[in-house]
Amino acid sequence: MGYNIMYGYGRPEHFLGGILELVFWVLIVVIILKLLRRRKMGGWGRWGGSSAMNLLEERYVKGEIGKEEFEQKKKDLMS
């Protein structure tokens, strides 16, 4: 009779295993959500946003910087 009480979900190992499994699945969901969010933000860049080159190109297209400044900054970024 005592054996049946201790067998199953009443054992401490099952409780710890359940918590570890829950932590594992929460981490998987968080990682997937972060990857989807990063992709939605438009870049797989190092910091999750636009890369420096993309920002430089946007500034050039908007006319915020001239061709000479664009070429110099592009050269600096490439080195």
PDB file of N, CA and C in Angstrom:
ATOM      1  N   MET A   1       0.819  -1.183   0.000  1.00  0.00           N
ATOM      2  CA  MET A   1       0.000   0.000   0.000  1.00  0.00           C
ATOM      3  C   MET A   1       0.872   1.260   0.000  1.00  0.00           C
ATOM      4  N   GLY A   2       1.907   1.317   0.816  1.00  0.00           N
ATOM      5  CA  GLY A   2       2.801   2.451   0.844  1.00  0.00           C
ATOM      6  C   GLY A   2       3.528   2.633  -0.482  1.00  0.00           C
ATOM      7  N   TYR A   3       3.784   1.526  -1.177  1.00  0.00           N
ATOM      8  CA  TYR A   3       4.460   1.597  -2.453  1.00  0.00           C
ATOM      9  C   TYR A   3       3.603   2.328  -3.481  1.00  0.00           C
ATOM     10  N   ASN A   4       2.327   2.072  -3.492  1.00  0.00           N
ATOM     11  CA  ASN A   4       1.435   2.715  -4.450  1.00  0.00           C
ATOM     12  C   ASN A   4       1.307   4.214  -4.207  1.00  0.00           C
ATOM     13  N   ILE A   5       1.398   4.662  -2.970  1.00  0.00           N
ATOM     14  CA  ILE A   5       1.303   6.083  -2.660  1.00  0.00           C
ATOM     15  C   ILE A   5       2.523   6.822  -3.210  1.00  0.00           C
ATOM     16  N   MET A   6       3.706   6.224  -3.094  1.00  0.00           N
ATOM     17  CA  MET A   6       4.927   6.882  -3.530  1.00  0.00           C
ATOM     18  C   MET A   6       5.154   6.763  -5.038  1.00  0.00           C
ATOM     19  N   TYR A   7       4.449   5.883  -5.697  1.00  0.00           N
ATOM     20  CA  TYR A   7       4.649   5.683  -7.124  1.00  0.00           C
ATOM     21  C   TYR A   7       3.802   6.679  -7.920  1.00  0.00           C
ATOM     22  N   GLY A   8       4.386   7.362  -8.855  1.00  0.00           N
ATOM     23  CA  GLY A   8       3.625   8.278  -9.696  1.00  0.00           C
ATOM     24  C   GLY A   8       4.034   9.718  -9.469  1.00  0.00           C
ATOM     25  N   TYR A   9       3.071  10.608  -9.545  1.00  0.00           N
ATOM     26  CA  TYR A   9       3.347  12.037  -9.515  1.00  0.00           C
ATOM     27  C   TYR A   9       3.655  12.577  -8.122  1.00  0.00           C
ATOM     28  N   GLY A  10       3.572  11.784  -7.113  1.00  0.00           N
ATOM     29  CA  GLY A  10       3.888  12.244  -5.778  1.00  0.00           C
ATOM     30  C   GLY A  10       5.379  12.284  -5.495  1.00  0.00           C
ATOM     31  N   ARG A  11       6.159  11.742  -6.393  1.00  0.00           N
ATOM     32  CA  ARG A  11       7.608  11.696  -6.170  1.00  0.00           C
ATOM     33  C   ARG A  11       8.229  13.043  -6.512  1.00  0.00           C
ATOM     34  N   PRO A  12       9.221  13.467  -5.747  1.00  0.00           N
ATOM     35  CA  PRO A  12       9.880  14.758  -5.995  1.00  0.00           C
ATOM     36  C   PRO A  12      10.519  14.845  -7.376  1.00  0.00           C
ATOM     37  N   GLU A  13      11.009  13.735  -7.906  1.00  0.00           N
ATOM     38  CA  GLU A  13      11.643  13.762  -9.223  1.00  0.00           C
ATOM     39  C   GLU A  13      10.656  14.186 -10.307  1.00  0.00           C
ATOM     40  N   HIS A  14       9.424  13.776 -10.197  1.00  0.00           N
ATOM     41  CA  HIS A  14       8.419  14.139 -11.189  1.00  0.00           C
ATOM     42  C   HIS A  14       8.093  15.626 -11.103  1.00  0.00           C
ATOM     43  N   PHE A  15       8.054  16.158  -9.909  1.00  0.00           N
ATOM     44  CA  PHE A  15       7.780  17.580  -9.727  1.00  0.00           C
ATOM     45  C   PHE A  15       8.881  18.426 -10.352  1.00  0.00           C
ATOM     46  N   LEU A  16      10.138  18.079 -10.074  1.00  0.00           N
ATOM     47  CA  LEU A  16      11.280  18.810 -10.628  1.00  0.00           C
ATOM     48  C   LEU A  16      11.315  18.671 -12.149  1.00  0.00           C
ATOM     49  N   GLY A  17      11.042  17.485 -12.642  1.00  0.00           N
ATOM     50  CA  GLY A  17      11.013  17.266 -14.087  1.00  0.00           C
ATOM     51  C   GLY A  17       9.942  18.109 -14.755  1.00  0.00           C
ATOM     52  N   GLY A  18       8.799  18.234 -14.113  1.00  0.00           N
ATOM     53  CA  GLY A  18       7.721  19.055 -14.667  1.00  0.00           C
ATOM     54  C   GLY A  18       8.098  20.522 -14.730  1.00  0.00           C
ATOM     55  N   ILE A  19       8.772  21.011 -13.703  1.00  0.00           N
ATOM     56  CA  ILE A  19       9.209  22.412 -13.690  1.00  0.00           C
ATOM     57  C   ILE A  19      10.251  22.640 -14.774  1.00  0.00           C
ATOM     58  N   LEU A  20      11.206  21.735 -14.905  1.00  0.00           N
ATOM     59  CA  LEU A  20      12.236  21.874 -15.933  1.00  0.00           C
ATOM     60  C   LEU A  20      11.641  21.824 -17.334  1.00  0.00           C
ATOM     61  N   GLU A  21      10.654  20.980 -17.534  1.00  0.00           N
ATOM     62  CA  GLU A  21       9.995  20.904 -18.832  1.00  0.00           C
ATOM     63  C   GLU A  21       9.262  22.212 -19.132  1.00  0.00           C
ATOM     64  N   LEU A  22       8.603  22.778 -18.159  1.00  0.00           N
ATOM     65  CA  LEU A  22       7.902  24.049 -18.334  1.00  0.00           C
ATOM     66  C   LEU A  22       8.890  25.165 -18.671  1.00  0.00           C
ATOM     67  N   VAL A  23      10.007  25.219 -17.962  1.00  0.00           N
ATOM     68  CA  VAL A  23      11.033  26.227 -18.242  1.00  0.00           C
ATOM     69  C   VAL A  23      11.566  26.055 -19.661  1.00  0.00           C
ATOM     70  N   PHE A  24      11.798  24.827 -20.078  1.00  0.00           N
ATOM     71  CA  PHE A  24      12.280  24.546 -21.428  1.00  0.00           C
ATOM     72  C   PHE A  24      11.321  25.086 -22.482  1.00  0.00           C
ATOM     73  N   TRP A  25      10.039  24.797 -22.352  1.00  0.00           N
ATOM     74  CA  TRP A  25       9.070  25.240 -23.359  1.00  0.00           C
ATOM     75  C   TRP A  25       8.878  26.752 -23.339  1.00  0.00           C
ATOM     76  N   VAL A  26       8.954  27.363 -22.172  1.00  0.00           N
ATOM     77  CA  VAL A  26       8.865  28.830 -22.107  1.00  0.00           C
ATOM     78  C   VAL A  26      10.048  29.446 -22.832  1.00  0.00           C
ATOM     79  N   LEU A  27      11.235  28.908 -22.651  1.00  0.00           N
ATOM     80  CA  LEU A  27      12.411  29.419 -23.347  1.00  0.00           C
ATOM     81  C   LEU A  27      12.286  29.256 -24.861  1.00  0.00           C
ATOM     82  N   ILE A  28      11.771  28.134 -25.314  1.00  0.00           N
ATOM     83  CA  ILE A  28      11.583  27.908 -26.746  1.00  0.00           C
ATOM     84  C   ILE A  28      10.621  28.947 -27.319  1.00  0.00           C
ATOM     85  N   VAL A  29       9.514  29.193 -26.640  1.00  0.00           N
ATOM     86  CA  VAL A  29       8.539  30.181 -27.110  1.00  0.00           C
ATOM     87  C   VAL A  29       9.150  31.577 -27.134  1.00  0.00           C
ATOM     88  N   VAL A  30       9.899  31.951 -26.110  1.00  0.00           N
ATOM     89  CA  VAL A  30      10.532  33.274 -26.055  1.00  0.00           C
ATOM     90  C   VAL A  30      11.518  33.439 -27.203  1.00  0.00           C
ATOM     91  N   ILE A  31      12.315  32.425 -27.479  1.00  0.00           N
ATOM     92  CA  ILE A  31      13.287  32.500 -28.572  1.00  0.00           C
ATOM     93  C   ILE A  31      12.578  32.660 -29.910  1.00  0.00           C
ATOM     94  N   ILE A  32      11.524  31.903 -30.132  1.00  0.00           N
ATOM     95  CA  ILE A  32      10.775  32.012 -31.391  1.00  0.00           C
ATOM     96  C   ILE A  32      10.167  33.403 -31.529  1.00  0.00           C
ATOM     97  N   LEU A  33       9.589  33.931 -30.463  1.00  0.00           N
ATOM     98  CA  LEU A  33       8.989  35.262 -30.529  1.00  0.00           C
ATOM     99  C   LEU A  33      10.043  36.335 -30.808  1.00  0.00           C
ATOM    100  N   LYS A  34      11.213  36.222 -30.200  1.00  0.00           N
ATOM    101  CA  LYS A  34      12.282  37.194 -30.452  1.00  0.00           C
ATOM    102  C   LYS A  34      12.747  37.131 -31.903  1.00  0.00           C
ATOM    103  N   LEU A  35      12.878  35.922 -32.447  1.00  0.00           N
ATOM    104  CA  LEU A  35      13.291  35.789 -33.844  1.00  0.00           C
ATOM    105  C   LEU A  35      12.248  36.379 -34.786  1.00  0.00           C
ATOM    106  N   LEU A  36      10.989  36.129 -34.513  1.00  0.00           N
ATOM    107  CA  LEU A  36       9.925  36.691 -35.359  1.00  0.00           C
ATOM    108  C   LEU A  36       9.894  38.208 -35.261  1.00  0.00           C
ATOM    109  N   ARG A  37      10.079  38.726 -34.070  1.00  0.00           N
ATOM    110  CA  ARG A  37      10.070  40.179 -33.874  1.00  0.00           C
ATOM    111  C   ARG A  37      11.248  40.830 -34.589  1.00  0.00           C
ATOM    112  N   ARG A  38      12.407  40.214 -34.494  1.00  0.00           N
ATOM    113  CA  ARG A  38      13.592  40.754 -35.160  1.00  0.00           C
ATOM    114  C   ARG A  38      13.386  40.766 -36.665  1.00  0.00           C
ATOM    115  N   ARG A  39      12.807  39.701 -37.187  1.00  0.00           N
ATOM    116  CA  ARG A  39      12.562  39.638 -38.632  1.00  0.00           C
ATOM    117  C   ARG A  39      11.540  40.677 -39.054  1.00  0.00           C
ATOM    118  N   LYS A  40      10.528  40.876 -38.239  1.00  0.00           N
ATOM    119  CA  LYS A  40       9.491  41.860 -38.544  1.00  0.00           C
ATOM    120  C   LYS A  40      10.057  43.279 -38.521  1.00  0.00           C
ATOM    121  N   MET A  41      11.056  43.525 -37.674  1.00  0.00           N
ATOM    122  CA  MET A  41      11.658  44.847 -37.576  1.00  0.00           C
ATOM    123  C   MET A  41      12.510  45.167 -38.794  1.00  0.00           C
ATOM    124  N   GLY A  42      12.716  44.211 -39.664  1.00  0.00           N
ATOM    125  CA  GLY A  42      13.382  44.492 -40.919  1.00  0.00           C
ATOM    126  C   GLY A  42      14.856  44.205 -40.967  1.00  0.00           C
ATOM    127  N   GLY A  43      15.361  43.416 -40.090  1.00  0.00           N
ATOM    128  CA  GLY A  43      16.774  43.135 -40.198  1.00  0.00           C
ATOM    129  C   GLY A  43      17.222  41.999 -39.321  1.00  0.00           C
ATOM    130  N   TRP A  44      18.229  41.330 -39.802  1.00  0.00           N
ATOM    131  CA  TRP A  44      18.882  40.300 -39.010  1.00  0.00           C
ATOM    132  C   TRP A  44      20.227  40.837 -38.562  1.00  0.00           C
ATOM    133  N   GLY A  45      20.311  42.166 -38.481  1.00  0.00           N
ATOM    134  CA  GLY A  45      21.557  42.824 -38.101  1.00  0.00           C
ATOM    135  C   GLY A  45      22.012  42.426 -36.715  1.00  0.00           C
ATOM    136  N   ARG A  46      23.179  42.886 -36.383  1.00  0.00           N
ATOM    137  CA  ARG A  46      23.794  42.489 -35.120  1.00  0.00           C
ATOM    138  C   ARG A  46      22.963  42.887 -33.913  1.00  0.00           C
ATOM    139  N   TRP A  47      22.329  44.040 -33.954  1.00  0.00           N
ATOM    140  CA  TRP A  47      21.574  44.530 -32.799  1.00  0.00           C
ATOM    141  C   TRP A  47      20.079  44.407 -32.995  1.00  0.00           C
ATOM    142  N   GLY A  48      19.618  43.704 -34.033  1.00  0.00           N
ATOM    143  CA  GLY A  48      18.196  43.478 -34.210  1.00  0.00           C
ATOM    144  C   GLY A  48      17.499  44.565 -34.992  1.00  0.00           C
ATOM    145  N   GLY A  49      18.141  45.661 -35.250  1.00  0.00           N
ATOM    146  CA  GLY A  49      17.534  46.734 -36.018  1.00  0.00           C
ATOM    147  C   GLY A  49      18.201  46.845 -37.368  1.00  0.00           C
ATOM    148  N   SER A  50      18.122  48.016 -37.955  1.00  0.00           N
ATOM    149  CA  SER A  50      18.754  48.241 -39.239  1.00  0.00           C
ATOM    150  C   SER A  50      20.262  48.314 -39.062  1.00  0.00           C
ATOM    151  N   SER A  51      20.963  47.857 -40.078  1.00  0.00           N
ATOM    152  CA  SER A  51      22.418  47.918 -40.014  1.00  0.00           C
ATOM    153  C   SER A  51      22.878  49.335 -40.312  1.00  0.00           C
ATOM    154  N   ALA A  52      24.116  49.611 -40.014  1.00  0.00           N
ATOM    155  CA  ALA A  52      24.674  50.951 -40.247  1.00  0.00           C
ATOM    156  C   ALA A  52      24.639  51.302 -41.729  1.00  0.00           C
ATOM    157  N   MET A  53      24.903  50.306 -42.585  1.00  0.00           N
ATOM    158  CA  MET A  53      24.886  50.562 -44.022  1.00  0.00           C
ATOM    159  C   MET A  53      23.480  50.916 -44.495  1.00  0.00           C
ATOM    160  N   ASN A  54      22.476  50.223 -43.969  1.00  0.00           N
ATOM    161  CA  ASN A  54      21.096  50.547 -44.337  1.00  0.00           C
ATOM    162  C   ASN A  54      20.731  51.965 -43.920  1.00  0.00           C
ATOM    163  N   LEU A  55      21.141  52.354 -42.721  1.00  0.00           N
ATOM    164  CA  LEU A  55      20.863  53.707 -42.253  1.00  0.00           C
ATOM    165  C   LEU A  55      21.573  54.751 -43.109  1.00  0.00           C
ATOM    166  N   LEU A  56      22.808  54.457 -43.491  1.00  0.00           N
ATOM    167  CA  LEU A  56      23.560  55.370 -44.338  1.00  0.00           C
ATOM    168  C   LEU A  56      22.887  55.515 -45.702  1.00  0.00           C
ATOM    169  N   GLU A  57      22.438  54.417 -46.282  1.00  0.00           N
ATOM    170  CA  GLU A  57      21.748  54.462 -47.573  1.00  0.00           C
ATOM    171  C   GLU A  57      20.439  55.245 -47.472  1.00  0.00           C
ATOM    172  N   GLU A  58      19.715  55.058 -46.373  1.00  0.00           N
ATOM    173  CA  GLU A  58      18.459  55.802 -46.181  1.00  0.00           C
ATOM    174  C   GLU A  58      18.724  57.306 -46.107  1.00  0.00           C
ATOM    175  N   ARG A  59      19.767  57.696 -45.380  1.00  0.00           N
ATOM    176  CA  ARG A  59      20.105  59.123 -45.270  1.00  0.00           C
ATOM    177  C   ARG A  59      20.481  59.700 -46.626  1.00  0.00           C
ATOM    178  N   TYR A  60      21.197  58.930 -47.449  1.00  0.00           N
ATOM    179  CA  TYR A  60      21.594  59.392 -48.774  1.00  0.00           C
ATOM    180  C   TYR A  60      20.374  59.547 -49.680  1.00  0.00           C
ATOM    181  N   VAL A  61      19.487  58.575 -49.640  1.00  0.00           N
ATOM    182  CA  VAL A  61      18.283  58.625 -50.474  1.00  0.00           C
ATOM    183  C   VAL A  61      17.393  59.797 -50.068  1.00  0.00           C
ATOM    184  N   LYS A  62      17.298  60.080 -48.781  1.00  0.00           N
ATOM    185  CA  LYS A  62      16.470  61.197 -48.305  1.00  0.00           C
ATOM    186  C   LYS A  62      17.110  62.556 -48.580  1.00  0.00           C
ATOM    187  N   GLY A  63      18.385  62.544 -48.963  1.00  0.00           N
ATOM    188  CA  GLY A  63      19.067  63.800 -49.249  1.00  0.00           C
ATOM    189  C   GLY A  63      19.679  64.461 -48.028  1.00  0.00           C
ATOM    190  N   GLU A  64      19.764  63.732 -46.938  1.00  0.00           N
ATOM    191  CA  GLU A  64      20.349  64.288 -45.718  1.00  0.00           C
ATOM    192  C   GLU A  64      21.859  64.430 -45.832  1.00  0.00           C
ATOM    193  N   ILE A  65      22.492  63.598 -46.659  1.00  0.00           N
ATOM    194  CA  ILE A  65      23.929  63.679 -46.881  1.00  0.00           C
ATOM    195  C   ILE A  65      24.189  63.670 -48.383  1.00  0.00           C
ATOM    196  N   GLY A  66      25.320  64.226 -48.768  1.00  0.00           N
ATOM    197  CA  GLY A  66      25.689  64.269 -50.174  1.00  0.00           C
ATOM    198  C   GLY A  66      26.449  63.029 -50.609  1.00  0.00           C
ATOM    199  N   LYS A  67      26.736  62.959 -51.926  1.00  0.00           N
ATOM    200  CA  LYS A  67      27.425  61.804 -52.487  1.00  0.00           C
ATOM    201  C   LYS A  67      28.812  61.625 -51.896  1.00  0.00           C
ATOM    202  N   GLU A  68      29.565  62.726 -51.739  1.00  0.00           N
ATOM    203  CA  GLU A  68      30.916  62.620 -51.205  1.00  0.00           C
ATOM    204  C   GLU A  68      30.909  62.077 -49.771  1.00  0.00           C
ATOM    205  N   GLU A  69      29.993  62.629 -48.954  1.00  0.00           N
ATOM    206  CA  GLU A  69      29.903  62.162 -47.566  1.00  0.00           C
ATOM    207  C   GLU A  69      29.460  60.701 -47.515  1.00  0.00           C
ATOM    208  N   PHE A  70      28.525  60.353 -48.396  1.00  0.00           N
ATOM    209  CA  PHE A  70      28.052  58.963 -48.455  1.00  0.00           C
ATOM    210  C   PHE A  70      29.206  58.026 -48.791  1.00  0.00           C
ATOM    211  N   GLU A  71      29.981  58.364 -49.823  1.00  0.00           N
ATOM    212  CA  GLU A  71      31.089  57.511 -50.240  1.00  0.00           C
ATOM    213  C   GLU A  71      32.142  57.388 -49.140  1.00  0.00           C
ATOM    214  N   GLN A  72      32.432  58.494 -48.443  1.00  0.00           N
ATOM    215  CA  GLN A  72      33.429  58.440 -47.373  1.00  0.00           C
ATOM    216  C   GLN A  72      32.961  57.568 -46.215  1.00  0.00           C
ATOM    217  N   LYS A  73      31.702  57.737 -45.807  1.00  0.00           N
ATOM    218  CA  LYS A  73      31.173  56.929 -44.696  1.00  0.00           C
ATOM    219  C   LYS A  73      31.075  55.462 -45.098  1.00  0.00           C
ATOM    220  N   LYS A  74      30.714  55.212 -46.341  1.00  0.00           N
ATOM    221  CA  LYS A  74      30.641  53.840 -46.834  1.00  0.00           C
ATOM    222  C   LYS A  74      32.032  53.189 -46.785  1.00  0.00           C
ATOM    223  N   LYS A  75      33.037  53.951 -47.195  1.00  0.00           N
ATOM    224  CA  LYS A  75      34.415  53.460 -47.150  1.00  0.00           C
ATOM    225  C   LYS A  75      34.831  53.171 -45.704  1.00  0.00           C
ATOM    226  N   ASP A  76      34.457  54.072 -44.781  1.00  0.00           N
ATOM    227  CA  ASP A  76      34.778  53.863 -43.363  1.00  0.00           C
ATOM    228  C   ASP A  76      34.106  52.604 -42.805  1.00  0.00           C
ATOM    229  N   LEU A  77      32.866  52.378 -43.214  1.00  0.00           N
ATOM    230  CA  LEU A  77      32.144  51.201 -42.716  1.00  0.00           C
ATOM    231  C   LEU A  77      32.730  49.897 -43.261  1.00  0.00           C
ATOM    232  N   MET A  78      33.196  49.937 -44.485  1.00  0.00           N
ATOM    233  CA  MET A  78      33.735  48.730 -45.110  1.00  0.00           C
ATOM    234  C   MET A  78      35.107  48.343 -44.555  1.00  0.00           C
ATOM    235  N   SER A  79      35.830  49.298 -43.991  1.00  0.00           N
ATOM    236  CA  SER A  79      37.175  48.977 -43.499  1.00  0.00           C
ATOM    237  C   SER A  79      37.152  48.461 -42.082  1.00  0.00           C
TER     238      SER A  79
END
